[in-house]
Amino acid sequence: MIFVVAGAGAWGTAFSVHLARLGHAVTLVPRRAEHAAQMAAARVNADYLPGIPLPAEVNVSATPGSLATADAVLLACPAQVLRETCGRFAAAPVIVSLVKGLEAGSHRRPSEVIAAVAPVARVAALSGPTNALGVARGEPSAMVLAGSAVDVALERLQQAFSGATLRVYTSDDLPGVEFGGCLKNIYAIAAGCCDGLRLGDNTKAALLTRALAEMVRVGAALGARPETFYGLGGFGDLVATCYGGWSRNREFGQRIGEGVPVADVLAGRRTVVEGYRTADSFADLCAERGIDAPILREVRAILFEGKRPDAALAALMTRGLKRESVGRGSLG
C-alpha cells in the first residue's frame, strides 16, 4: 500500500520505518522544509529519532505529492496544530490519526477535528502502548485501530499495519480509544509527580488504580464504552506511559515533582508534552458536563494554578471516604 505520514517527530518517523519494513511505500512529510531537507540528505531523523536509519522505501519530502494515489494519510502531529496540518491533507481518501490530545478551546477529539476539516475522508485512530523507539527497533508491540465501524476498509488497514513485530486489533469505539489516549498523558504527569516526590510504589500503584477508575467514569460519561478503557488504548497505554522512562509526560511531571517550576520545564523543549494542554481542556470539559474527576482537577491545579504537587496529593488523600465498587462503568 501507499502511505503518507504527516509529521516527522519520533512517532511519525518510527511508524514510517515500521510501514517500510512491511514493504509499503511511504512518504514522510515533516512540518518544516529545512527538517525535510536535513532528513532526506542524512537519511536519519537526528532531531527526534537518532540512531535509526530511514529505509530506502521512506521518501522524505516537504510536500505530500498527489494524495489521490495514497491509500491513507497518517497524521502524527501535536494536537494543537492538527487542524492546520489536516488542512494540507484534506483531499486524502482515508485519514488515520496518531494524535493523543484534545483541541484547546473546542475540546474536540482528533477525529472530530479531522472530520470538520476533511468531511469526505474516512477517519480512524491508531493508539496503544507504543514507545516510538521500540516500534522503530522492531520490539514486539500491540495497538488498537478504531473507526466508527469495523468494516472491510478498517480491516484492510489492520492488515497493512500488522506484522511480525506489531499486532493491531480493531475497535468501533472511536471516542473511547481517543479519550484513553488523551487521558493517559494527564495521569502520566501525575505519576511523574509521584516519582519526583519519591513517594514509592504504594503511592504510584494507588494512583494508577484510581486513574483507571476515573478514566472509565469520565469516558463513559462522554459516550465511550467502559470496557474500552481496560484494553490497549486505555489501561495498556496508561501503564506504559506512567512507568516508561521514555515517557515525555511522566518525565515532565517528575521534574515538577522535584520542584522545578512548570514554566521552566516547558521552556526550550523541542518535543511536545501533550498532557499539558489536554489537562486544561479535559478539566474544563468535565466541569462543563458535571463529571467528577478529582485527579484531573488536581493535575490542572498543579500545571495552571501553581498548586504544589504535595498539596494536590494531600487534597486527594483527604477526600470523603467511599466504598470501592468495581464493575462495568461503576468504578467510582
C-alpha atoms as a PDB file:
ATOM      1  CA  MET A   1       0.000   0.000   0.000  1.00  0.00           C
ATOM      2  CA  ILE A   2       0.958   3.671  -0.337  1.00  0.00           C
ATOM      3  CA  PHE A   3       1.013   5.831   2.776  1.00  0.00           C
ATOM      4  CA  VAL A   4       1.731   9.462   3.587  1.00  0.00           C
ATOM      5  CA  VAL A   5       2.834  10.231   7.154  1.00  0.00           C
ATOM      6  CA  ALA A   6       2.410  13.881   8.140  1.00  0.00           C
ATOM      7  CA  GLY A   7       4.705  14.863  10.982  1.00  0.00           C
ATOM      8  CA  ALA A   8       8.306  13.755  11.459  1.00  0.00           C
ATOM      9  CA  GLY A   9       8.600  13.684  15.216  1.00  0.00           C
ATOM     10  CA  ALA A  10       9.729  10.472  16.883  1.00  0.00           C
ATOM     11  CA  TRP A  11       6.398   8.692  16.423  1.00  0.00           C
ATOM     12  CA  GLY A  12       5.747   9.707  12.819  1.00  0.00           C
ATOM     13  CA  THR A  13       9.280   8.677  11.902  1.00  0.00           C
ATOM     14  CA  ALA A  14       9.081   5.385  13.789  1.00  0.00           C
ATOM     15  CA  PHE A  15       5.797   4.400  12.172  1.00  0.00           C
ATOM     16  CA  SER A  16       7.194   5.274   8.745  1.00  0.00           C
ATOM     17  CA  VAL A  17      10.107   2.915   9.430  1.00  0.00           C
ATOM     18  CA  HIS A  18       7.638   0.225  10.526  1.00  0.00           C
ATOM     19  CA  LEU A  19       5.500   0.607   7.394  1.00  0.00           C
ATOM     20  CA  ALA A  20       8.562   0.457   5.169  1.00  0.00           C
ATOM     21  CA  ARG A  21       9.710  -2.693   6.971  1.00  0.00           C
ATOM     22  CA  LEU A  22       6.394  -4.261   5.961  1.00  0.00           C
ATOM     23  CA  GLY A  23       7.049  -3.403   2.310  1.00  0.00           C
ATOM     24  CA  HIS A  24       4.779  -0.376   1.940  1.00  0.00           C
ATOM     25  CA  ALA A  25       5.730   2.797   0.070  1.00  0.00           C
ATOM     26  CA  VAL A  26       5.894   5.734   2.480  1.00  0.00           C
ATOM     27  CA  THR A  27       6.230   9.492   2.057  1.00  0.00           C
ATOM     28  CA  LEU A  28       7.206  11.166   5.322  1.00  0.00           C
ATOM     29  CA  VAL A  29       6.316  14.871   5.379  1.00  0.00           C
ATOM     30  CA  PRO A  30       7.998  16.932   8.132  1.00  0.00           C
ATOM     31  CA  ARG A  31       6.307  20.149   9.225  1.00  0.00           C
ATOM     32  CA  ARG A  32       9.389  22.231   8.379  1.00  0.00           C
ATOM     33  CA  ALA A  33      11.013  22.295   4.934  1.00  0.00           C
ATOM     34  CA  GLU A  34      14.503  22.574   6.423  1.00  0.00           C
ATOM     35  CA  HIS A  35      13.888  19.487   8.531  1.00  0.00           C
ATOM     36  CA  ALA A  36      12.757  17.608   5.428  1.00  0.00           C
ATOM     37  CA  ALA A  37      15.933  18.591   3.567  1.00  0.00           C
ATOM     38  CA  GLN A  38      18.114  17.566   6.512  1.00  0.00           C
ATOM     39  CA  MET A  39      16.467  14.161   6.850  1.00  0.00           C
ATOM     40  CA  ALA A  40      16.493  13.493   3.112  1.00  0.00           C
ATOM     41  CA  ALA A  41      20.217  14.168   2.988  1.00  0.00           C
ATOM     42  CA  ALA A  42      21.270  12.327   6.167  1.00  0.00           C
ATOM     43  CA  ARG A  43      18.663   9.523   5.948  1.00  0.00           C
ATOM     44  CA  VAL A  44      18.105   9.750   9.685  1.00  0.00           C
ATOM     45  CA  ASN A  45      15.957  11.915  11.962  1.00  0.00           C
ATOM     46  CA  ALA A  46      18.767  13.262  14.132  1.00  0.00           C
ATOM     47  CA  ASP A  47      16.441  15.657  15.984  1.00  0.00           C
ATOM     48  CA  TYR A  48      13.786  13.207  17.178  1.00  0.00           C
ATOM     49  CA  LEU A  49      14.835   9.596  16.498  1.00  0.00           C
ATOM     50  CA  PRO A  50      18.642   9.446  16.302  1.00  0.00           C
ATOM     51  CA  GLY A  51      20.343   6.182  15.519  1.00  0.00           C
ATOM     52  CA  ILE A  52      17.500   4.782  13.399  1.00  0.00           C
ATOM     53  CA  PRO A  53      18.345   4.835   9.669  1.00  0.00           C
ATOM     54  CA  LEU A  54      15.500   5.529   7.265  1.00  0.00           C
ATOM     55  CA  PRO A  55      14.829   2.630   4.860  1.00  0.00           C
ATOM     56  CA  ALA A  56      15.016   3.320   1.140  1.00  0.00           C
ATOM     57  CA  GLU A  57      11.228   2.865   0.931  1.00  0.00           C
ATOM     58  CA  VAL A  58      10.728   6.030   3.014  1.00  0.00           C
ATOM     59  CA  ASN A  59      10.693   9.117   0.820  1.00  0.00           C
ATOM     60  CA  VAL A  60      11.190  12.309   2.844  1.00  0.00           C
ATOM     61  CA  SER A  61       9.615  15.378   1.287  1.00  0.00           C
ATOM     62  CA  ALA A  62       8.359  18.806   2.278  1.00  0.00           C
ATOM     63  CA  THR A  63       5.244  18.152   0.161  1.00  0.00           C
ATOM     64  CA  PRO A  64       2.986  15.081   0.099  1.00  0.00           C
ATOM     65  CA  GLY A  65       2.741  14.750  -3.661  1.00  0.00           C
ATOM     66  CA  SER A  66      -0.504  13.545  -5.200  1.00  0.00           C
ATOM     67  CA  LEU A  67      -2.872  12.491  -2.420  1.00  0.00           C
ATOM     68  CA  ALA A  68      -5.060  10.763  -4.985  1.00  0.00           C
ATOM     69  CA  THR A  69      -2.510   7.956  -5.268  1.00  0.00           C
ATOM     70  CA  ALA A  70      -2.198   7.409  -1.491  1.00  0.00           C
ATOM     71  CA  ASP A  71      -4.230   4.738   0.251  1.00  0.00           C
ATOM     72  CA  ALA A  72      -4.191   6.692   3.503  1.00  0.00           C
ATOM     73  CA  VAL A  73      -2.622   9.661   5.267  1.00  0.00           C
ATOM     74  CA  LEU A  74      -1.441   9.214   8.836  1.00  0.00           C
ATOM     75  CA  LEU A  75      -1.391  12.390  10.940  1.00  0.00           C
ATOM     76  CA  ALA A  76       1.368  12.300  13.571  1.00  0.00           C
ATOM     77  CA  CYS A  77       1.414  15.911  14.729  1.00  0.00           C
ATOM     78  CA  PRO A  78       0.721  17.699  18.035  1.00  0.00           C
ATOM     79  CA  ALA A  79      -2.972  18.095  18.844  1.00  0.00           C
ATOM     80  CA  GLN A  80      -2.796  21.886  18.823  1.00  0.00           C
ATOM     81  CA  VAL A  81      -1.611  22.014  15.181  1.00  0.00           C
ATOM     82  CA  LEU A  82      -3.831  19.172  13.970  1.00  0.00           C
ATOM     83  CA  ARG A  83      -6.431  21.431  12.349  1.00  0.00           C
ATOM     84  CA  GLU A  84      -3.773  23.313  10.385  1.00  0.00           C
ATOM     85  CA  THR A  85      -1.905  20.136   9.435  1.00  0.00           C
ATOM     86  CA  CYS A  86      -5.057  18.325   8.372  1.00  0.00           C
ATOM     87  CA  GLY A  87      -5.894  21.203   6.052  1.00  0.00           C
ATOM     88  CA  ARG A  88      -2.894  20.269   3.902  1.00  0.00           C
ATOM     89  CA  PHE A  89      -4.136  16.690   3.542  1.00  0.00           C
ATOM     90  CA  ALA A  90      -7.904  17.166   3.420  1.00  0.00           C
ATOM     91  CA  ALA A  91      -8.120  15.638  -0.069  1.00  0.00           C
ATOM     92  CA  ALA A  92      -6.932  12.231   1.178  1.00  0.00           C
ATOM     93  CA  PRO A  93      -9.490   9.411   0.915  1.00  0.00           C
ATOM     94  CA  VAL A  94      -8.577   7.962   4.330  1.00  0.00           C
ATOM     95  CA  ILE A  95      -7.030   9.787   7.290  1.00  0.00           C
ATOM     96  CA  VAL A  96      -5.702   7.946  10.342  1.00  0.00           C
ATOM     97  CA  SER A  97      -4.993   9.938  13.494  1.00  0.00           C
ATOM     98  CA  LEU A  98      -1.947   9.117  15.617  1.00  0.00           C
ATOM     99  CA  VAL A  99      -2.701  12.174  17.765  1.00  0.00           C
ATOM    100  CA  LYS A 100      -3.316  11.932  21.537  1.00  0.00           C
ATOM    101  CA  GLY A 101      -4.785  15.171  22.826  1.00  0.00           C
ATOM    102  CA  LEU A 102      -7.904  17.355  22.791  1.00  0.00           C
ATOM    103  CA  GLU A 103      -8.040  20.562  20.789  1.00  0.00           C
ATOM    104  CA  ALA A 104      -7.808  23.555  23.130  1.00  0.00           C
ATOM    105  CA  GLY A 105     -10.944  25.696  23.218  1.00  0.00           C
ATOM    106  CA  SER A 106     -13.246  23.341  21.316  1.00  0.00           C
ATOM    107  CA  HIS A 107     -12.371  20.250  23.438  1.00  0.00           C
ATOM    108  CA  ARG A 108     -12.746  18.179  20.265  1.00  0.00           C
ATOM    109  CA  ARG A 109     -11.186  14.766  19.839  1.00  0.00           C
ATOM    110  CA  PRO A 110      -8.683  14.391  16.958  1.00  0.00           C
ATOM    111  CA  SER A 111     -11.156  12.501  14.755  1.00  0.00           C
ATOM    112  CA  GLU A 112     -13.729  15.263  15.274  1.00  0.00           C
ATOM    113  CA  VAL A 113     -11.216  17.899  14.184  1.00  0.00           C
ATOM    114  CA  ILE A 114     -10.312  15.836  11.122  1.00  0.00           C
ATOM    115  CA  ALA A 115     -13.972  15.291  10.207  1.00  0.00           C
ATOM    116  CA  ALA A 116     -14.570  19.037  10.383  1.00  0.00           C
ATOM    117  CA  VAL A 117     -11.610  19.844   8.128  1.00  0.00           C
ATOM    118  CA  ALA A 118     -11.899  16.855   5.777  1.00  0.00           C
ATOM    119  CA  PRO A 119     -15.593  15.878   5.778  1.00  0.00           C
ATOM    120  CA  VAL A 120     -15.295  13.487   2.831  1.00  0.00           C
ATOM    121  CA  ALA A 121     -12.418  11.410   4.211  1.00  0.00           C
ATOM    122  CA  ARG A 122     -12.875   8.180   6.145  1.00  0.00           C
ATOM    123  CA  VAL A 123     -11.381   8.721   9.620  1.00  0.00           C
ATOM    124  CA  ALA A 124      -9.752   6.287  12.023  1.00  0.00           C
ATOM    125  CA  ALA A 125      -7.458   6.476  15.048  1.00  0.00           C
ATOM    126  CA  LEU A 126      -4.472   4.302  15.941  1.00  0.00           C
ATOM    127  CA  SER A 127      -3.473   4.167  19.600  1.00  0.00           C
ATOM    128  CA  GLY A 128      -1.878   1.976  22.238  1.00  0.00           C
ATOM    129  CA  PRO A 129       1.149   1.408  24.487  1.00  0.00           C
ATOM    130  CA  THR A 130       3.901   2.041  21.962  1.00  0.00           C
ATOM    131  CA  ASN A 131       7.193   3.822  22.506  1.00  0.00           C
ATOM    132  CA  ALA A 132       8.470   5.213  19.210  1.00  0.00           C
ATOM    133  CA  LEU A 133      11.992   3.834  19.562  1.00  0.00           C
ATOM    134  CA  GLY A 134      10.675   0.377  20.417  1.00  0.00           C
ATOM    135  CA  VAL A 135       8.483   0.288  17.317  1.00  0.00           C
ATOM    136  CA  ALA A 136      11.339   1.563  15.137  1.00  0.00           C
ATOM    137  CA  ARG A 137      13.622  -1.159  16.503  1.00  0.00           C
ATOM    138  CA  GLY A 138      11.014  -3.831  15.880  1.00  0.00           C
ATOM    139  CA  GLU A 139      10.286  -4.705  19.507  1.00  0.00           C
ATOM    140  CA  PRO A 140       7.023  -6.725  19.728  1.00  0.00           C
ATOM    141  CA  SER A 141       4.129  -4.329  20.361  1.00  0.00           C
ATOM    142  CA  ALA A 142       0.328  -4.141  20.075  1.00  0.00           C
ATOM    143  CA  MET A 143      -2.086  -1.354  19.194  1.00  0.00           C
ATOM    144  CA  VAL A 144      -5.776  -0.744  18.533  1.00  0.00           C
ATOM    145  CA  LEU A 145      -7.196   0.772  15.341  1.00  0.00           C
ATOM    146  CA  ALA A 146     -10.574   2.396  15.878  1.00  0.00           C
ATOM    147  CA  GLY A 147     -13.194   3.632  13.469  1.00  0.00           C
ATOM    148  CA  SER A 148     -16.911   4.345  13.523  1.00  0.00           C
ATOM    149  CA  ALA A 149     -17.407   0.745  12.370  1.00  0.00           C
ATOM    150  CA  VAL A 150     -15.247  -2.343  11.905  1.00  0.00           C
ATOM    151  CA  ASP A 151     -15.724  -2.794   8.182  1.00  0.00           C
ATOM    152  CA  VAL A 152     -13.683  -4.025   5.236  1.00  0.00           C
ATOM    153  CA  ALA A 153     -11.813  -0.720   4.927  1.00  0.00           C
ATOM    154  CA  LEU A 154     -10.738  -0.751   8.584  1.00  0.00           C
ATOM    155  CA  GLU A 155      -9.715  -4.401   8.390  1.00  0.00           C
ATOM    156  CA  ARG A 156      -7.642  -3.632   5.297  1.00  0.00           C
ATOM    157  CA  LEU A 157      -5.708  -1.058   7.295  1.00  0.00           C
ATOM    158  CA  GLN A 158      -5.399  -3.519  10.175  1.00  0.00           C
ATOM    159  CA  GLN A 159      -3.757  -5.997   7.818  1.00  0.00           C
ATOM    160  CA  ALA A 160      -1.491  -3.330   6.364  1.00  0.00           C
ATOM    161  CA  PHE A 161      -0.273  -2.122   9.765  1.00  0.00           C
ATOM    162  CA  SER A 162       0.237  -5.577  11.297  1.00  0.00           C
ATOM    163  CA  GLY A 163       3.338  -7.705  11.030  1.00  0.00           C
ATOM    164  CA  ALA A 164       5.752  -9.846  12.979  1.00  0.00           C
ATOM    165  CA  THR A 165       6.596  -7.013  15.384  1.00  0.00           C
ATOM    166  CA  LEU A 166       3.259  -5.147  15.637  1.00  0.00           C
ATOM    167  CA  ARG A 167      -0.139  -6.723  16.207  1.00  0.00           C
ATOM    168  CA  VAL A 168      -3.099  -4.416  15.537  1.00  0.00           C
ATOM    169  CA  TYR A 169      -6.610  -5.003  16.909  1.00  0.00           C
ATOM    170  CA  THR A 170      -9.762  -3.209  15.720  1.00  0.00           C
ATOM    171  CA  SER A 171     -12.470  -1.363  17.638  1.00  0.00           C
ATOM    172  CA  ASP A 172     -15.649   0.502  16.747  1.00  0.00           C
ATOM    173  CA  ASP A 173     -15.433   2.646  19.909  1.00  0.00           C
ATOM    174  CA  LEU A 174     -13.630   5.578  18.339  1.00  0.00           C
ATOM    175  CA  PRO A 175     -14.422   8.004  21.204  1.00  0.00           C
ATOM    176  CA  GLY A 176     -13.204   5.532  23.825  1.00  0.00           C
ATOM    177  CA  VAL A 177      -9.889   4.843  22.108  1.00  0.00           C
ATOM    178  CA  GLU A 178      -9.259   8.557  21.609  1.00  0.00           C
ATOM    179  CA  PHE A 179     -10.276   9.545  25.136  1.00  0.00           C
ATOM    180  CA  GLY A 180      -7.964   6.859  26.520  1.00  0.00           C
ATOM    181  CA  GLY A 181      -5.046   8.212  24.501  1.00  0.00           C
ATOM    182  CA  CYS A 182      -5.730  11.719  25.789  1.00  0.00           C
ATOM    183  CA  LEU A 183      -6.347  10.902  29.442  1.00  0.00           C
ATOM    184  CA  LYS A 184      -3.350   8.619  29.959  1.00  0.00           C
ATOM    185  CA  ASN A 185      -0.993  11.540  29.255  1.00  0.00           C
ATOM    186  CA  ILE A 186      -2.588  13.575  32.038  1.00  0.00           C
ATOM    187  CA  TYR A 187      -2.310  10.723  34.514  1.00  0.00           C
ATOM    188  CA  ALA A 188       1.298  10.147  33.447  1.00  0.00           C
ATOM    189  CA  ILE A 189       2.073  13.701  34.566  1.00  0.00           C
ATOM    190  CA  ALA A 190       0.577  12.829  37.961  1.00  0.00           C
ATOM    191  CA  ALA A 191       2.648   9.622  38.069  1.00  0.00           C
ATOM    192  CA  GLY A 192       5.751  11.635  37.253  1.00  0.00           C
ATOM    193  CA  CYS A 193       4.974  13.970  40.149  1.00  0.00           C
ATOM    194  CA  CYS A 194       4.939  10.894  42.413  1.00  0.00           C
ATOM    195  CA  ASP A 195       8.351   9.913  41.058  1.00  0.00           C
ATOM    196  CA  GLY A 196       9.687  13.412  41.609  1.00  0.00           C
ATOM    197  CA  LEU A 197       8.403  13.412  45.182  1.00  0.00           C
ATOM    198  CA  ARG A 198       9.961   9.940  45.694  1.00  0.00           C
ATOM    199  CA  LEU A 199       6.755   8.559  47.120  1.00  0.00           C
ATOM    200  CA  GLY A 200       7.367   4.915  46.261  1.00  0.00           C
ATOM    201  CA  ASP A 201       5.471   2.041  44.685  1.00  0.00           C
ATOM    202  CA  ASN A 202       2.468   2.069  47.037  1.00  0.00           C
ATOM    203  CA  THR A 203       1.566   5.619  46.069  1.00  0.00           C
ATOM    204  CA  LYS A 204       2.065   5.110  42.362  1.00  0.00           C
ATOM    205  CA  ALA A 205       0.072   1.867  42.305  1.00  0.00           C
ATOM    206  CA  ALA A 206      -2.802   3.555  44.131  1.00  0.00           C
ATOM    207  CA  LEU A 207      -2.657   6.496  41.733  1.00  0.00           C
ATOM    208  CA  LEU A 208      -2.801   4.298  38.627  1.00  0.00           C
ATOM    209  CA  THR A 209      -5.693   2.266  40.018  1.00  0.00           C
ATOM    210  CA  ARG A 210      -7.710   5.385  40.790  1.00  0.00           C
ATOM    211  CA  ALA A 211      -6.660   6.953  37.483  1.00  0.00           C
ATOM    212  CA  LEU A 212      -8.107   3.956  35.633  1.00  0.00           C
ATOM    213  CA  ALA A 213     -11.312   4.309  37.650  1.00  0.00           C
ATOM    214  CA  GLU A 214     -11.504   7.980  36.726  1.00  0.00           C
ATOM    215  CA  MET A 215     -10.718   7.226  33.080  1.00  0.00           C
ATOM    216  CA  VAL A 216     -13.642   4.783  32.920  1.00  0.00           C
ATOM    217  CA  ARG A 217     -16.019   7.185  34.656  1.00  0.00           C
ATOM    218  CA  VAL A 218     -15.072  10.196  32.536  1.00  0.00           C
ATOM    219  CA  GLY A 219     -15.060   8.253  29.270  1.00  0.00           C
ATOM    220  CA  ALA A 220     -18.425   6.614  29.931  1.00  0.00           C
ATOM    221  CA  ALA A 221     -19.972   9.966  30.840  1.00  0.00           C
ATOM    222  CA  LEU A 222     -18.738  11.318  27.492  1.00  0.00           C
ATOM    223  CA  GLY A 223     -20.278   8.492  25.472  1.00  0.00           C
ATOM    224  CA  ALA A 224     -17.485   5.907  25.302  1.00  0.00           C
ATOM    225  CA  ARG A 225     -17.858   2.255  26.285  1.00  0.00           C
ATOM    226  CA  PRO A 226     -16.348   1.439  29.717  1.00  0.00           C
ATOM    227  CA  GLU A 227     -14.735  -1.799  28.552  1.00  0.00           C
ATOM    228  CA  THR A 228     -12.608   0.057  26.007  1.00  0.00           C
ATOM    229  CA  PHE A 229     -10.543   1.556  28.823  1.00  0.00           C
ATOM    230  CA  TYR A 230      -9.455  -1.879  30.017  1.00  0.00           C
ATOM    231  CA  GLY A 231      -7.791  -2.511  26.652  1.00  0.00           C
ATOM    232  CA  LEU A 232      -4.691  -1.387  24.802  1.00  0.00           C
ATOM    233  CA  GLY A 233      -5.922   2.166  24.248  1.00  0.00           C
ATOM    234  CA  GLY A 234      -6.742   2.641  27.931  1.00  0.00           C
ATOM    235  CA  PHE A 235      -5.076   0.532  30.628  1.00  0.00           C
ATOM    236  CA  GLY A 236      -2.253  -0.616  28.343  1.00  0.00           C
ATOM    237  CA  ASP A 237      -1.278   2.892  27.318  1.00  0.00           C
ATOM    238  CA  LEU A 238      -1.754   4.160  30.886  1.00  0.00           C
ATOM    239  CA  VAL A 239       0.723   1.672  32.350  1.00  0.00           C
ATOM    240  CA  ALA A 240       3.315   2.189  29.615  1.00  0.00           C
ATOM    241  CA  THR A 241       3.200   5.976  29.819  1.00  0.00           C
ATOM    242  CA  CYS A 242       3.174   6.158  33.623  1.00  0.00           C
ATOM    243  CA  TYR A 243       6.146   3.814  34.031  1.00  0.00           C
ATOM    244  CA  GLY A 244       8.197   4.265  30.845  1.00  0.00           C
ATOM    245  CA  GLY A 245      11.499   6.047  31.287  1.00  0.00           C
ATOM    246  CA  TRP A 246      10.985   7.365  27.747  1.00  0.00           C
ATOM    247  CA  SER A 247       7.615   8.991  28.544  1.00  0.00           C
ATOM    248  CA  ARG A 248       7.714  12.753  27.981  1.00  0.00           C
ATOM    249  CA  ASN A 249       4.613  13.293  30.112  1.00  0.00           C
ATOM    250  CA  ARG A 250       5.956  11.231  33.024  1.00  0.00           C
ATOM    251  CA  GLU A 251       9.344  12.965  32.862  1.00  0.00           C
ATOM    252  CA  PHE A 252       7.603  16.356  32.724  1.00  0.00           C
ATOM    253  CA  GLY A 253       5.673  15.513  35.889  1.00  0.00           C
ATOM    254  CA  GLN A 254       8.795  14.177  37.586  1.00  0.00           C
ATOM    255  CA  ARG A 255      10.634  17.446  37.171  1.00  0.00           C
ATOM    256  CA  ILE A 256       7.643  19.347  38.556  1.00  0.00           C
ATOM    257  CA  GLY A 257       7.561  16.944  41.498  1.00  0.00           C
ATOM    258  CA  GLU A 258      11.241  17.672  42.077  1.00  0.00           C
ATOM    259  CA  GLY A 259      10.379  21.334  42.495  1.00  0.00           C
ATOM    260  CA  VAL A 260      11.138  22.797  39.061  1.00  0.00           C
ATOM    261  CA  PRO A 261       8.557  25.464  38.085  1.00  0.00           C
ATOM    262  CA  VAL A 262       6.221  24.444  35.250  1.00  0.00           C
ATOM    263  CA  ALA A 263       7.328  27.381  33.075  1.00  0.00           C
ATOM    264  CA  ASP A 264      10.972  26.345  33.428  1.00  0.00           C
ATOM    265  CA  VAL A 265      10.216  22.728  32.478  1.00  0.00           C
ATOM    266  CA  LEU A 266       8.366  23.902  29.377  1.00  0.00           C
ATOM    267  CA  ALA A 267      10.990  26.439  28.330  1.00  0.00           C
ATOM    268  CA  GLY A 268      13.126  25.402  25.412  1.00  0.00           C
ATOM    269  CA  ARG A 269      11.503  21.985  24.910  1.00  0.00           C
ATOM    270  CA  ARG A 270      11.838  20.578  21.407  1.00  0.00           C
ATOM    271  CA  THR A 271       9.171  17.917  21.938  1.00  0.00           C
ATOM    272  CA  VAL A 272       5.527  18.489  22.871  1.00  0.00           C
ATOM    273  CA  VAL A 273       4.071  17.340  26.203  1.00  0.00           C
ATOM    274  CA  GLU A 274       0.522  16.574  25.056  1.00  0.00           C
ATOM    275  CA  GLY A 275      -0.809  16.109  28.576  1.00  0.00           C
ATOM    276  CA  TYR A 276      -0.103  19.744  29.488  1.00  0.00           C
ATOM    277  CA  ARG A 277      -2.722  21.453  27.305  1.00  0.00           C
ATOM    278  CA  THR A 278      -5.007  18.425  27.363  1.00  0.00           C
ATOM    279  CA  ALA A 279      -5.224  18.575  31.170  1.00  0.00           C
ATOM    280  CA  ASP A 280      -6.611  22.091  30.959  1.00  0.00           C
ATOM    281  CA  SER A 281      -9.028  21.186  28.164  1.00  0.00           C
ATOM    282  CA  PHE A 282     -10.245  17.975  29.786  1.00  0.00           C
ATOM    283  CA  ALA A 283     -10.746  19.602  33.194  1.00  0.00           C
ATOM    284  CA  ASP A 284     -12.860  22.302  31.545  1.00  0.00           C
ATOM    285  CA  LEU A 285     -14.852  19.676  29.643  1.00  0.00           C
ATOM    286  CA  CYS A 286     -15.559  17.720  32.838  1.00  0.00           C
ATOM    287  CA  ALA A 287     -16.600  20.888  34.651  1.00  0.00           C
ATOM    288  CA  GLU A 288     -18.975  21.796  31.811  1.00  0.00           C
ATOM    289  CA  ARG A 289     -20.562  18.310  31.857  1.00  0.00           C
ATOM    290  CA  GLY A 290     -20.653  17.969  35.654  1.00  0.00           C
ATOM    291  CA  ILE A 291     -18.304  14.963  35.640  1.00  0.00           C
ATOM    292  CA  ASP A 292     -16.421  14.233  38.857  1.00  0.00           C
ATOM    293  CA  ALA A 293     -12.694  13.965  38.017  1.00  0.00           C
ATOM    294  CA  PRO A 294     -10.595  14.806  41.088  1.00  0.00           C
ATOM    295  CA  ILE A 295      -7.237  13.644  39.687  1.00  0.00           C
ATOM    296  CA  LEU A 296      -7.776  15.707  36.546  1.00  0.00           C
ATOM    297  CA  ARG A 297      -8.673  18.724  38.662  1.00  0.00           C
ATOM    298  CA  GLU A 298      -5.566  18.419  40.797  1.00  0.00           C
ATOM    299  CA  VAL A 299      -3.240  17.974  37.796  1.00  0.00           C
ATOM    300  CA  ARG A 300      -4.732  21.079  36.199  1.00  0.00           C
ATOM    301  CA  ALA A 301      -4.264  22.963  39.500  1.00  0.00           C
ATOM    302  CA  ILE A 302      -0.577  21.961  39.552  1.00  0.00           C
ATOM    303  CA  LEU A 303       0.014  22.960  35.931  1.00  0.00           C
ATOM    304  CA  PHE A 304      -2.052  26.136  35.670  1.00  0.00           C
ATOM    305  CA  GLU A 305      -2.763  27.397  39.186  1.00  0.00           C
ATOM    306  CA  GLY A 306       0.611  26.977  40.860  1.00  0.00           C
ATOM    307  CA  LYS A 307      -0.524  24.306  43.330  1.00  0.00           C
ATOM    308  CA  ARG A 308       2.300  22.270  44.838  1.00  0.00           C
ATOM    309  CA  PRO A 309       2.243  18.557  43.958  1.00  0.00           C
ATOM    310  CA  ASP A 310       2.382  17.512  47.623  1.00  0.00           C
ATOM    311  CA  ALA A 311      -0.621  19.748  48.367  1.00  0.00           C
ATOM    312  CA  ALA A 312      -2.526  18.202  45.441  1.00  0.00           C
ATOM    313  CA  LEU A 313      -1.770  14.725  46.790  1.00  0.00           C
ATOM    314  CA  ALA A 314      -2.982  15.751  50.244  1.00  0.00           C
ATOM    315  CA  ALA A 315      -6.230  17.019  48.713  1.00  0.00           C
ATOM    316  CA  LEU A 316      -6.794  13.665  47.016  1.00  0.00           C
ATOM    317  CA  MET A 317      -5.960  11.649  50.139  1.00  0.00           C
ATOM    318  CA  THR A 318      -8.310  13.605  52.421  1.00  0.00           C
ATOM    319  CA  ARG A 319     -11.409  13.496  50.205  1.00  0.00           C
ATOM    320  CA  GLY A 320     -14.543  11.954  51.678  1.00  0.00           C
ATOM    321  CA  LEU A 321     -14.218   8.206  52.151  1.00  0.00           C
ATOM    322  CA  LYS A 322     -16.266   5.878  49.955  1.00  0.00           C
ATOM    323  CA  ARG A 323     -16.799   2.250  49.039  1.00  0.00           C
ATOM    324  CA  GLU A 324     -14.829   0.754  46.167  1.00  0.00           C
ATOM    325  CA  SER A 325     -17.289  -0.602  43.627  1.00  0.00           C
ATOM    326  CA  VAL A 326     -15.642  -2.487  40.785  1.00  0.00           C
ATOM    327  CA  GLY A 327     -17.634  -3.427  37.723  1.00  0.00           C
ATOM    328  CA  ARG A 328     -18.837  -2.287  34.340  1.00  0.00           C
ATOM    329  CA  GLY A 329     -18.756   1.505  34.415  1.00  0.00           C
ATOM    330  CA  SER A 330     -19.066   1.589  38.205  1.00  0.00           C
ATOM    331  CA  LEU A 331     -15.540   2.411  39.294  1.00  0.00           C
ATOM    332  CA  GLY A 332     -16.075   5.470  41.471  1.00  0.00           C
END
